[in-house]
Amino acid sequence: MEMEIEEQGETGKNVMCQLTDPEGNHLGPPMYLPQNAAPKELQQIVNKLLNNEEKLPYAFYISDQELVVQLGTYLQKNKVSVEKVLPIVYQPQAVFRIRPINRCSSTIAGHTEAVLSVAFSPDGRQLASGSGDTTVRLWDLNTQTPMYTCTGHKNWVLCIAWSPDGKHLVSGSKAGELQCWDPQTGKPSGNPLIGHKKWITGISWEPVHLRAPCRRFVSSSKDGDARIWDVSLRKCVICLNGHTLAVTCVKWGGDGVIYTGSQDCTIKVWETSQGKLIRELKGHGHWVNSLALSTEYVLRTGAFDHTGKQYTSPEEMKEVALERYKKMKGNAPERLVSGSDDFTMFLWEPADSKHPKTRMTGHQQLVNHVYFSPDGQWVASASFDKSVKLWNGTTGKFVAAFRGHVGPVYQISWSADSRLLLSGSKDSTLKVNCRNYYLPFMVLMGLSYG
């Protein structure tokens, strides 16, 4: 095989390439590859060199740009010299693909006012929705029918969040109260949790790989505080106060710390045993609107994956969740992205530094929402400038802009396989974008903003 490669290399129709993983480790020595090699052929080579029994999917990148054509076509288009070794980074992809999106498969009616929040259960079997009609509804996704209507809130339900083990659902309202529900019965697990003085802006659970079964979650509020609650004790166990204005978003990281973003332009990092402030991340010139973690998908889903496997014990669930988290994180630190009213975003590695790794600019109006792809390789941002932008999740480098909305973009969400990106806008449409093609290929009409 080596002799054949060398002989082909002398023809000038091949290019010397070095395959490396995302962390820079070489996959064998440099080799000559034919210029008509496309991602399909590169996948075969990588699977063979890695001795993969199951043929796994990979994406390939040259200078942070994904290779979607033949090598020769890419080299000619980008005028890349073939006199030097060409580094090609191979990135593992999800082994599954979501079903193509080409129509509305179901309309689930029931709420009598605007739906303000929705969340899938970690195992993907249920959907929870919170509404301006003050109710939380649980839906069976297999039959696409309502299971329970949960009543008890006195005002709009603004936030909902499942525990990563799927045992609890918590909702937060405009009245500042939180309610924990049993997803199996739709009944409240005790009285509402009272403590916040203004409405709830965010809820995040302690990762299951840190504690199983899940007991603690953190809430943020317009009142400027974040509070850690214990659902077993039915009370607030720690109050995180220090922000001078409203806390707009909160995330419980995989390393066990809590991140809070605020209208006081700062991001604070807290330890969770006593609630002490560890670090303050400064740099934004206006409100911090949104935070996203590179490990957010595996933190939310815990031990559950596309196989649908169920677990009989908390210990087994914790072990599997920890394995998934370590695999997702790799050798790099957990990354954080913040989006702000100052039109910019920052990429942070809070465990290593209080200074941002990269400042991400390009939006012409405030950044309303930021979100890491499930594989942690991409960051998407939604802005009032009517655009969605795509960024490299490791370097913060700008990749592409998705244009097509005619109104401010409020929210974005990734498909579980990191291949599709959904955006929702004031223009009453959802647009589905493919990561590799920088135009929306599906517009879902008929949606209204409540």
Protein backbone atom coordinates (compact mmCIF):
# COMPACT_ATOMS: atom_id res chain seq x y z
CA MET A 1 0.00 0.00 0.00
CA GLU A 2 2.84 2.42 0.88
CA MET A 3 4.62 1.68 -2.41
CA GLU A 4 1.41 2.30 -4.31
CA ILE A 5 0.95 5.64 -2.55
CA GLU A 6 4.49 6.72 -3.32
CA GLU A 7 4.13 5.78 -7.00
CA GLN A 8 0.89 7.73 -7.21
CA GLY A 9 2.51 10.68 -5.49
CA GLU A 10 5.05 10.98 -8.28
CA THR A 11 2.31 11.55 -10.83
CA GLY A 12 1.48 14.98 -9.42
CA LYS A 13 -2.23 14.10 -9.26
CA ASN A 14 -2.12 13.56 -5.51
CA VAL A 15 -1.57 15.76 -2.51
CA MET A 16 0.40 15.03 0.64
CA CYS A 17 -2.02 15.20 3.61
CA GLN A 18 -1.76 14.83 7.36
CA LEU A 19 -4.89 13.59 9.14
CA THR A 20 -5.24 14.87 12.71
CA ASP A 21 -7.94 14.72 15.36
CA PRO A 22 -9.49 17.92 16.82
CA GLU A 23 -6.84 17.98 19.57
CA GLY A 24 -3.97 17.94 17.09
CA ASN A 25 -2.90 14.28 17.39
CA HIS A 26 -1.66 12.82 14.12
CA LEU A 27 -3.37 9.78 12.65
CA GLY A 28 -0.24 8.09 11.35
CA PRO A 29 2.37 9.72 9.08
CA PRO A 30 1.54 12.05 6.18
CA MET A 31 0.18 10.25 3.12
CA TYR A 32 -0.54 10.99 -0.51
CA LEU A 33 -4.27 11.22 -1.25
CA PRO A 34 -5.80 11.50 -4.73
CA GLN A 35 -7.28 14.88 -5.53
CA ASN A 36 -10.60 13.24 -6.44
CA ALA A 37 -10.96 12.00 -2.85
CA ALA A 38 -14.15 13.34 -1.26
CA PRO A 39 -15.41 13.13 2.37
CA LYS A 40 -16.82 9.65 1.65
CA GLU A 41 -13.37 8.29 0.73
CA LEU A 42 -11.73 10.11 3.63
CA GLN A 43 -14.21 8.47 6.01
CA GLN A 44 -13.18 5.05 4.70
CA ILE A 45 -9.51 5.86 5.25
CA VAL A 46 -10.03 7.14 8.81
CA ASN A 47 -12.19 4.16 9.79
CA LYS A 48 -9.53 1.79 8.42
CA LEU A 49 -6.65 3.56 10.19
CA LEU A 50 -8.57 3.62 13.47
CA ASN A 51 -9.57 -0.03 13.05
CA ASN A 52 -13.21 0.83 13.67
CA GLU A 53 -15.36 -2.29 13.49
CA GLU A 54 -18.42 -0.11 12.97
CA LYS A 55 -18.04 2.40 10.14
CA LEU A 56 -18.42 5.76 11.90
CA PRO A 57 -19.25 9.10 10.24
CA TYR A 58 -16.71 11.93 10.22
CA ALA A 59 -16.56 15.50 8.98
CA PHE A 60 -13.30 16.95 7.63
CA TYR A 61 -11.91 20.46 7.98
CA ILE A 62 -9.13 22.38 6.27
CA SER A 63 -8.26 25.70 7.94
CA ASP A 64 -11.52 25.53 9.95
CA GLN A 65 -13.56 25.21 6.73
CA GLU A 66 -15.55 22.01 6.27
CA LEU A 67 -14.62 19.94 3.25
CA VAL A 68 -17.82 19.07 1.36
CA VAL A 69 -16.32 18.59 -2.13
CA GLN A 70 -13.41 16.68 -3.64
CA LEU A 71 -9.92 17.65 -2.47
CA GLY A 72 -8.91 18.92 -5.91
CA THR A 73 -12.00 21.13 -6.19
CA TYR A 74 -11.31 22.61 -2.76
CA LEU A 75 -7.63 23.24 -3.52
CA GLN A 76 -8.41 24.91 -6.84
CA LYS A 77 -11.20 27.09 -5.43
CA ASN A 78 -9.15 28.26 -2.43
CA LYS A 79 -5.84 28.40 -4.33
CA VAL A 80 -4.10 26.17 -1.79
CA SER A 81 -0.48 25.20 -2.50
CA VAL A 82 0.18 21.46 -2.76
CA GLU A 83 3.92 21.90 -2.17
CA LYS A 84 3.43 21.60 1.61
CA VAL A 85 1.74 18.95 3.69
CA LEU A 86 -1.99 19.72 3.87
CA PRO A 87 -3.40 19.28 7.40
CA ILE A 88 -6.91 17.79 7.47
CA VAL A 89 -8.79 17.61 10.77
CA TYR A 90 -11.29 14.76 11.13
CA GLN A 91 -14.19 15.31 13.52
CA PRO A 92 -16.46 12.47 14.72
CA GLN A 93 -20.14 13.05 13.92
CA ALA A 94 -23.30 11.75 15.55
CA VAL A 95 -23.85 8.12 14.56
CA PHE A 96 -27.53 8.85 14.04
CA ARG A 97 -29.41 11.34 11.88
CA ILE A 98 -32.68 13.02 12.73
CA ARG A 99 -35.59 12.57 10.36
CA PRO A 100 -35.70 15.11 7.52
CA ILE A 101 -37.88 18.14 8.21
CA ASN A 102 -40.29 18.72 5.34
CA ARG A 103 -43.69 19.30 6.90
CA CYS A 104 -45.59 19.90 10.11
CA SER A 105 -46.14 16.40 11.49
CA SER A 106 -48.60 17.38 14.21
CA THR A 107 -50.33 20.33 15.80
CA ILE A 108 -50.81 19.83 19.51
CA ALA A 109 -53.59 22.07 20.79
CA GLY A 110 -54.63 22.67 24.38
CA HIS A 111 -53.19 25.86 25.82
CA THR A 112 -55.57 28.82 25.82
CA GLU A 113 -52.86 31.51 25.80
CA ALA A 114 -49.37 31.93 24.31
CA VAL A 115 -46.89 29.09 24.85
CA LEU A 116 -43.88 30.74 26.49
CA SER A 117 -41.54 27.79 27.12
CA VAL A 118 -41.08 24.21 25.95
CA ALA A 119 -38.63 21.45 26.93
CA PHE A 120 -38.10 17.84 25.91
CA SER A 121 -37.52 15.27 28.63
CA PRO A 122 -33.94 13.87 28.75
CA ASP A 123 -35.06 10.56 27.27
CA GLY A 124 -37.02 12.31 24.49
CA ARG A 125 -40.32 10.61 25.33
CA GLN A 126 -42.20 13.60 26.75
CA LEU A 127 -42.58 17.29 26.06
CA ALA A 128 -43.41 19.90 28.68
CA SER A 129 -44.83 23.32 27.85
CA GLY A 130 -45.46 26.41 29.94
CA SER A 131 -48.04 28.99 28.97
CA GLY A 132 -49.52 32.38 29.61
CA ASP A 133 -52.66 30.51 30.70
CA THR A 134 -50.70 29.74 33.95
CA THR A 135 -50.57 25.98 33.27
CA VAL A 136 -47.86 23.45 32.51
CA ARG A 137 -48.80 20.68 30.11
CA LEU A 138 -47.13 17.31 29.61
CA TRP A 139 -47.40 15.63 26.22
CA ASP A 140 -46.70 12.07 25.05
CA LEU A 141 -44.47 12.34 21.99
CA ASN A 142 -45.21 8.82 20.76
CA THR A 143 -48.93 9.51 20.39
CA GLN A 144 -48.60 13.32 20.24
CA THR A 145 -51.44 13.64 22.73
CA PRO A 146 -51.78 15.49 26.05
CA MET A 147 -50.97 13.54 29.20
CA TYR A 148 -51.50 16.02 32.05
CA THR A 149 -52.48 19.62 32.64
CA CYS A 150 -50.61 20.90 35.70
CA THR A 151 -52.35 23.75 37.50
CA GLY A 152 -51.28 25.84 40.47
CA HIS A 153 -49.31 28.79 39.13
CA LYS A 154 -50.85 32.23 39.62
CA ASN A 155 -49.15 33.91 36.67
CA TRP A 156 -47.49 33.20 33.32
CA VAL A 157 -45.16 30.17 33.24
CA LEU A 158 -41.92 31.61 31.88
CA CYS A 159 -39.40 28.79 32.40
CA ILE A 160 -39.45 25.00 32.61
CA ALA A 161 -36.60 22.52 33.09
CA TRP A 162 -36.36 18.73 33.45
CA SER A 163 -33.91 17.13 35.84
CA PRO A 164 -31.26 15.18 33.86
CA ASP A 165 -32.50 11.89 35.34
CA GLY A 166 -36.05 12.65 34.13
CA LYS A 167 -37.59 12.31 37.61
CA HIS A 168 -38.56 15.96 38.16
CA LEU A 169 -39.90 18.92 36.20
CA VAL A 170 -39.62 22.44 37.58
CA SER A 171 -41.47 25.50 36.31
CA GLY A 172 -40.98 29.16 37.17
CA SER A 173 -43.55 31.92 36.81
CA LYS A 174 -43.85 35.65 36.42
CA ALA A 175 -44.98 35.78 40.07
CA GLY A 176 -41.51 34.60 41.13
CA GLU A 177 -42.63 31.20 42.40
CA LEU A 178 -41.27 27.80 41.41
CA GLN A 179 -43.18 24.54 41.33
CA CYS A 180 -41.82 21.01 41.11
CA TRP A 181 -43.96 18.40 39.32
CA ASP A 182 -43.97 14.61 39.14
CA PRO A 183 -43.87 13.79 35.39
CA GLN A 184 -45.45 10.38 36.02
CA THR A 185 -48.63 11.80 37.54
CA GLY A 186 -48.68 15.48 36.61
CA LYS A 187 -49.16 16.32 40.28
CA PRO A 188 -47.18 18.98 42.19
CA SER A 189 -44.48 17.65 44.51
CA GLY A 190 -45.50 19.78 47.48
CA ASN A 191 -46.21 23.49 47.82
CA PRO A 192 -44.66 26.16 45.56
CA LEU A 193 -41.08 27.21 46.35
CA ILE A 194 -41.18 30.84 47.48
CA GLY A 195 -38.22 33.19 47.81
CA HIS A 196 -37.74 35.24 44.68
CA LYS A 197 -39.32 38.70 44.70
CA LYS A 198 -39.69 39.08 40.92
CA TRP A 199 -40.20 36.80 37.94
CA ILE A 200 -38.03 33.80 37.13
CA THR A 201 -35.61 34.21 34.21
CA GLY A 202 -33.85 30.83 34.17
CA ILE A 203 -33.66 27.34 35.70
CA SER A 204 -30.75 24.89 35.54
CA TRP A 205 -30.29 21.50 37.24
CA GLU A 206 -27.20 20.07 38.91
CA PRO A 207 -25.70 17.54 36.45
CA VAL A 208 -26.55 13.92 37.19
CA HIS A 209 -22.91 12.86 36.86
CA LEU A 210 -22.20 14.97 39.96
CA ARG A 211 -25.13 13.71 42.03
CA ALA A 212 -27.70 10.98 41.47
CA PRO A 213 -30.59 10.97 41.95
CA CYS A 214 -31.01 14.65 41.06
CA ARG A 215 -32.01 16.88 43.96
CA ARG A 216 -30.71 20.40 43.39
CA PHE A 217 -31.40 23.06 40.81
CA VAL A 218 -30.64 26.77 40.54
CA SER A 219 -33.04 29.54 39.52
CA SER A 220 -32.34 33.11 38.43
CA SER A 221 -34.64 36.07 38.75
CA LYS A 222 -35.35 39.63 37.77
CA ASP A 223 -34.77 40.46 41.47
CA GLY A 224 -30.98 40.13 40.97
CA ASP A 225 -30.51 36.86 42.89
CA ALA A 226 -29.93 33.23 41.99
CA ARG A 227 -31.08 30.55 44.41
CA ILE A 228 -30.13 26.89 44.83
CA TRP A 229 -33.06 24.69 45.84
CA ASP A 230 -33.26 21.13 47.18
CA VAL A 231 -36.41 19.35 45.97
CA SER A 232 -36.14 16.75 48.76
CA LEU A 233 -35.90 19.37 51.51
CA ARG A 234 -38.41 21.59 49.70
CA LYS A 235 -36.48 24.76 50.39
CA CYS A 236 -33.79 27.15 49.21
CA VAL A 237 -30.43 25.98 50.54
CA ILE A 238 -28.15 28.74 49.16
CA CYS A 239 -28.81 32.28 47.92
CA LEU A 240 -26.30 33.62 45.40
CA ASN A 241 -26.45 37.39 45.74
CA GLY A 242 -23.96 39.88 44.39
CA HIS A 243 -25.36 41.09 41.09
CA THR A 244 -26.58 44.68 41.19
CA LEU A 245 -29.25 44.26 38.49
CA ALA A 246 -31.48 41.48 37.16
CA VAL A 247 -29.98 38.04 36.55
CA THR A 248 -30.98 37.17 33.00
CA CYS A 249 -29.61 33.62 32.64
CA VAL A 250 -28.08 30.81 34.69
CA LYS A 251 -26.17 27.60 33.86
CA TRP A 252 -24.97 24.79 36.15
CA GLY A 253 -21.69 23.63 34.62
CA GLY A 254 -20.32 20.12 34.39
CA ASP A 255 -17.40 20.99 36.65
CA GLY A 256 -19.84 21.77 39.44
CA VAL A 257 -19.88 25.57 39.28
CA ILE A 258 -22.77 27.90 38.46
CA TYR A 259 -22.61 30.73 35.91
CA THR A 260 -24.96 33.71 36.14
CA GLY A 261 -25.29 36.48 33.54
CA SER A 262 -26.79 39.82 34.47
CA GLN A 263 -27.96 43.21 33.30
CA ASP A 264 -25.07 44.61 35.38
CA CYS A 265 -22.87 43.54 32.40
CA THR A 266 -21.01 40.83 34.35
CA ILE A 267 -20.94 37.04 34.51
CA LYS A 268 -20.31 35.55 37.93
CA VAL A 269 -18.96 32.07 38.68
CA TRP A 270 -20.07 30.43 41.94
CA GLU A 271 -19.10 27.30 43.85
CA THR A 272 -22.10 25.29 45.04
CA SER A 273 -21.27 23.99 48.52
CA GLN A 274 -21.43 27.38 50.24
CA GLY A 275 -22.34 29.71 47.40
CA LYS A 276 -19.05 31.62 47.37
CA LEU A 277 -18.13 33.78 44.40
CA ILE A 278 -15.17 32.21 42.59
CA ARG A 279 -14.64 34.51 39.65
CA GLU A 280 -16.16 37.47 37.87
CA LEU A 281 -16.04 37.65 34.08
CA LYS A 282 -16.04 41.22 32.80
CA GLY A 283 -15.88 42.62 29.29
CA HIS A 284 -19.38 43.30 28.04
CA GLY A 285 -20.47 46.93 27.79
CA HIS A 286 -24.19 46.24 28.17
CA TRP A 287 -26.64 43.63 29.48
CA VAL A 288 -25.69 39.97 29.26
CA ASN A 289 -28.71 38.30 27.65
CA SER A 290 -27.71 34.68 27.12
CA LEU A 291 -25.16 32.07 28.20
CA ALA A 292 -24.32 28.73 26.57
CA LEU A 293 -22.02 25.89 27.63
CA SER A 294 -20.11 23.64 25.24
CA THR A 295 -21.24 20.60 27.27
CA GLU A 296 -24.85 21.72 27.61
CA TYR A 297 -26.40 18.90 25.59
CA VAL A 298 -24.86 16.06 27.61
CA LEU A 299 -25.57 17.91 30.85
CA ARG A 300 -29.25 18.19 29.94
CA THR A 301 -29.65 14.60 28.72
CA GLY A 302 -27.46 12.95 31.37
CA ALA A 303 -27.17 9.21 30.68
CA PHE A 304 -29.80 9.13 27.91
CA ASP A 305 -28.83 8.91 24.25
CA HIS A 306 -30.38 8.02 20.90
CA THR A 307 -30.47 4.30 21.75
CA GLY A 308 -33.34 4.85 24.20
CA LYS A 309 -31.72 2.76 26.93
CA GLN A 310 -33.36 3.03 30.35
CA TYR A 311 -31.57 2.69 33.69
CA THR A 312 -32.60 0.81 36.81
CA SER A 313 -30.39 2.52 39.39
CA PRO A 314 -29.11 6.06 40.06
CA GLU A 315 -25.56 4.70 40.39
CA GLU A 316 -25.63 3.23 36.88
CA MET A 317 -27.12 6.45 35.50
CA LYS A 318 -24.43 8.54 37.21
CA GLU A 319 -21.65 6.33 35.83
CA VAL A 320 -22.93 6.47 32.26
CA ALA A 321 -23.55 10.23 32.47
CA LEU A 322 -19.99 10.80 33.71
CA GLU A 323 -18.62 8.74 30.83
CA ARG A 324 -20.64 10.78 28.32
CA TYR A 325 -19.50 14.05 29.91
CA LYS A 326 -15.82 13.10 29.85
CA LYS A 327 -16.05 11.99 26.24
CA MET A 328 -17.78 15.22 25.26
CA LYS A 329 -15.36 17.45 27.15
CA GLY A 330 -12.17 15.68 26.08
CA ASN A 331 -8.92 17.18 27.31
CA ALA A 332 -10.06 20.77 26.82
CA PRO A 333 -11.75 22.94 29.48
CA GLU A 334 -15.50 23.56 29.43
CA ARG A 335 -16.26 26.57 27.24
CA LEU A 336 -18.81 29.34 27.83
CA VAL A 337 -20.27 31.81 25.34
CA SER A 338 -22.09 35.00 26.34
CA GLY A 339 -24.30 37.20 24.17
CA SER A 340 -25.03 40.82 24.99
CA ASP A 341 -26.96 43.99 24.22
CA ASP A 342 -23.60 45.48 23.18
CA PHE A 343 -23.94 43.54 19.86
CA THR A 344 -21.00 41.25 20.75
CA MET A 345 -20.29 37.79 22.14
CA PHE A 346 -17.40 36.48 24.19
CA LEU A 347 -15.93 32.97 24.25
CA TRP A 348 -14.60 32.07 27.70
CA GLU A 349 -12.73 29.21 29.33
CA PRO A 350 -13.66 30.16 32.91
CA ALA A 351 -11.74 27.32 34.58
CA ASP A 352 -8.49 28.70 33.16
CA SER A 353 -8.94 32.46 33.01
CA LYS A 354 -11.19 35.35 33.93
CA HIS A 355 -10.35 36.98 30.59
CA PRO A 356 -12.25 36.11 27.41
CA LYS A 357 -10.55 33.83 24.91
CA THR A 358 -12.14 35.60 21.94
CA ARG A 359 -14.38 38.58 21.25
CA MET A 360 -16.93 37.71 18.56
CA THR A 361 -18.22 40.68 16.57
CA GLY A 362 -20.41 41.09 13.50
CA HIS A 363 -23.99 41.49 14.66
CA GLN A 364 -25.47 44.92 14.04
CA GLN A 365 -27.98 44.83 16.91
CA LEU A 366 -28.29 43.13 20.28
CA VAL A 367 -27.56 39.41 20.57
CA ASN A 368 -30.65 37.80 22.03
CA HIS A 369 -29.70 34.11 22.21
CA VAL A 370 -26.54 31.98 21.90
CA TYR A 371 -26.42 28.18 21.72
CA PHE A 372 -23.69 25.54 21.35
CA SER A 373 -24.34 22.62 19.02
CA PRO A 374 -24.71 19.27 20.84
CA ASP A 375 -21.23 18.19 19.70
CA GLY A 376 -19.73 21.45 21.01
CA GLN A 377 -18.12 22.28 17.66
CA TRP A 378 -20.34 25.23 16.71
CA VAL A 379 -21.98 28.26 18.27
CA ALA A 380 -25.09 29.85 16.81
CA SER A 381 -26.27 33.35 17.71
CA ALA A 382 -29.62 35.05 17.15
CA SER A 383 -29.92 38.81 16.91
CA PHE A 384 -32.39 41.63 16.53
CA ASP A 385 -30.52 42.44 13.28
CA LYS A 386 -32.69 39.67 11.70
CA SER A 387 -29.76 37.31 11.20
CA VAL A 388 -28.40 34.09 12.68
CA LYS A 389 -24.63 33.70 12.69
CA LEU A 390 -22.52 30.56 12.93
CA TRP A 391 -19.16 30.48 14.73
CA ASN A 392 -16.43 27.95 15.40
CA GLY A 393 -17.13 26.67 18.92
CA THR A 394 -13.45 26.20 19.79
CA THR A 395 -11.83 29.33 18.37
CA GLY A 396 -14.81 31.71 18.15
CA LYS A 397 -13.99 32.38 14.50
CA PHE A 398 -16.89 33.56 12.32
CA VAL A 399 -18.08 30.91 9.87
CA ALA A 400 -21.25 32.08 8.15
CA ALA A 401 -24.42 34.19 8.39
CA PHE A 402 -27.93 32.84 7.82
CA ARG A 403 -30.18 35.54 6.38
CA GLY A 404 -33.82 35.34 5.39
CA HIS A 405 -35.81 36.45 8.41
CA VAL A 406 -37.50 39.83 8.02
CA GLY A 407 -37.88 40.44 11.75
CA PRO A 408 -35.75 40.11 14.90
CA VAL A 409 -34.66 36.54 15.64
CA TYR A 410 -35.66 35.54 19.16
CA GLN A 411 -34.47 31.97 19.62
CA ILE A 412 -32.43 29.20 18.04
CA SER A 413 -32.16 25.46 18.62
CA TRP A 414 -29.97 22.66 17.25
CA SER A 415 -31.01 19.21 16.11
CA ALA A 416 -29.57 16.45 18.29
CA ASP A 417 -27.16 15.38 15.53
CA SER A 418 -25.74 18.96 15.20
CA ARG A 419 -26.58 19.05 11.49
CA LEU A 420 -29.63 21.33 11.47
CA LEU A 421 -30.29 24.69 13.09
CA LEU A 422 -33.76 26.09 13.77
CA SER A 423 -34.47 29.79 14.24
CA GLY A 424 -37.65 31.51 15.38
CA SER A 425 -38.43 35.13 14.57
CA LYS A 426 -40.88 37.94 15.14
CA ASP A 427 -41.74 37.56 11.46
CA SER A 428 -43.94 34.57 12.46
CA THR A 429 -41.76 31.94 10.78
CA LEU A 430 -39.32 29.24 11.76
CA LYS A 431 -36.41 28.62 9.41
CA VAL A 432 -34.43 25.39 9.29
CA ASN A 433 -30.81 25.84 8.22
CA CYS A 434 -28.30 23.15 7.30
CA ARG A 435 -24.92 23.74 8.88
CA ASN A 436 -23.06 23.02 5.63
CA TYR A 437 -25.19 25.26 3.41
CA TYR A 438 -25.62 28.85 4.40
CA LEU A 439 -29.20 29.35 3.23
CA PRO A 440 -32.45 28.31 4.93
CA PHE A 441 -33.79 25.29 3.07
CA MET A 442 -37.10 25.03 4.90
CA VAL A 443 -39.47 27.74 6.11
CA LEU A 444 -42.28 26.75 8.48
CA MET A 445 -45.09 29.25 8.20
CA GLY A 446 -48.19 30.02 10.18
CA LEU A 447 -46.57 30.51 13.58
CA SER A 448 -47.41 33.48 15.72
CA TYR A 449 -45.46 35.14 18.51
CA GLY A 450 -47.44 35.46 21.71
